[in-house]
């Protein structure tokens, strides 16, 4: 899993999220303060969709194929 947080670009709240990085390693699912994020592989990077817990809008976070966040 990759655990991180992002700021909602719509309402400004901070959302903690996790997503299953496809490296065949398994960890325990984080506690309830983390929400599961959806991921898509687009060419040379992953696009992670995080649903805001307050306004339900989607914020996109990009990661390299090595699991490093792209700023």
Protein backbone atom coordinates (compact mmCIF):
# COMPACT_ATOMS: atom_id res chain seq x y z
CA UNK A 1 0.00 0.00 0.00
CA UNK A 2 0.96 3.60 -0.43
CA UNK A 3 -0.43 5.93 2.24
CA UNK A 4 -0.48 9.65 1.79
CA UNK A 5 -2.68 12.71 2.04
CA UNK A 6 -3.80 15.40 -0.38
CA UNK A 7 -5.62 18.70 -0.18
CA UNK A 8 -8.98 18.87 -1.94
CA UNK A 9 -8.77 21.48 -4.69
CA UNK A 10 -12.48 22.27 -4.27
CA UNK A 11 -13.04 22.71 -0.52
CA UNK A 12 -9.47 22.72 0.85
CA UNK A 13 -9.90 19.83 3.30
CA UNK A 14 -7.09 17.32 3.84
CA UNK A 15 -7.89 13.74 2.81
CA UNK A 16 -5.80 10.76 3.91
CA UNK A 17 -5.79 7.96 1.36
CA UNK A 18 -4.19 4.66 0.50
CA UNK A 19 -3.94 2.67 -2.70
CA UNK A 20 -2.65 -0.76 -3.55
CA UNK A 21 0.69 -0.30 -5.29
CA UNK A 22 1.21 -3.29 -7.62
CA UNK A 23 4.53 -4.46 -6.13
CA UNK A 24 3.19 -7.75 -4.71
CA UNK A 25 3.83 -6.61 -1.13
CA UNK A 26 0.98 -6.82 1.35
CA UNK A 27 0.41 -4.63 4.37
CA UNK A 28 -2.47 -4.30 6.77
CA UNK A 29 -5.19 -1.94 5.53
CA UNK A 30 -4.88 1.45 7.29
CA UNK A 31 -7.48 2.51 9.85
CA UNK A 32 -10.78 4.27 9.11
CA UNK A 33 -9.26 7.74 8.79
CA UNK A 34 -7.81 6.63 5.42
CA UNK A 35 -10.00 6.23 2.36
CA UNK A 36 -9.31 3.83 -0.48
CA UNK A 37 -8.22 5.55 -3.71
CA UNK A 38 -8.70 4.27 -7.24
CA UNK A 39 -5.77 4.03 -9.63
CA UNK A 40 -5.20 3.84 -13.37
CA UNK A 41 -1.92 3.26 -15.17
CA UNK A 42 -1.44 5.79 -17.97
CA UNK A 43 1.70 5.17 -19.98
CA UNK A 44 4.63 5.90 -17.68
CA UNK A 45 2.77 6.84 -14.49
CA UNK A 46 -0.22 6.08 -12.23
CA UNK A 47 -3.17 8.44 -11.82
CA UNK A 48 -4.77 8.16 -8.37
CA UNK A 49 -8.32 9.42 -7.80
CA UNK A 50 -9.07 10.49 -4.22
CA UNK A 51 -12.69 11.21 -3.26
CA UNK A 52 -13.00 14.05 -0.74
CA UNK A 53 -14.65 13.01 2.52
CA UNK A 54 -16.36 16.42 2.87
CA UNK A 55 -17.50 17.53 -0.59
CA UNK A 56 -17.26 14.20 -2.53
CA UNK A 57 -15.26 15.80 -5.36
CA UNK A 58 -12.32 13.94 -6.91
CA UNK A 59 -8.72 15.11 -6.59
CA UNK A 60 -6.09 13.55 -8.87
CA UNK A 61 -2.60 12.65 -7.62
CA UNK A 62 0.06 11.23 -9.96
CA UNK A 63 2.75 8.68 -9.07
CA UNK A 64 5.74 7.31 -10.95
CA UNK A 65 5.91 3.60 -11.76
CA UNK A 66 8.24 3.31 -8.73
CA UNK A 67 5.54 4.63 -6.39
CA UNK A 68 6.92 8.14 -5.89
CA UNK A 69 4.48 11.06 -5.92
CA UNK A 70 4.85 13.42 -8.88
CA UNK A 71 4.59 17.00 -7.57
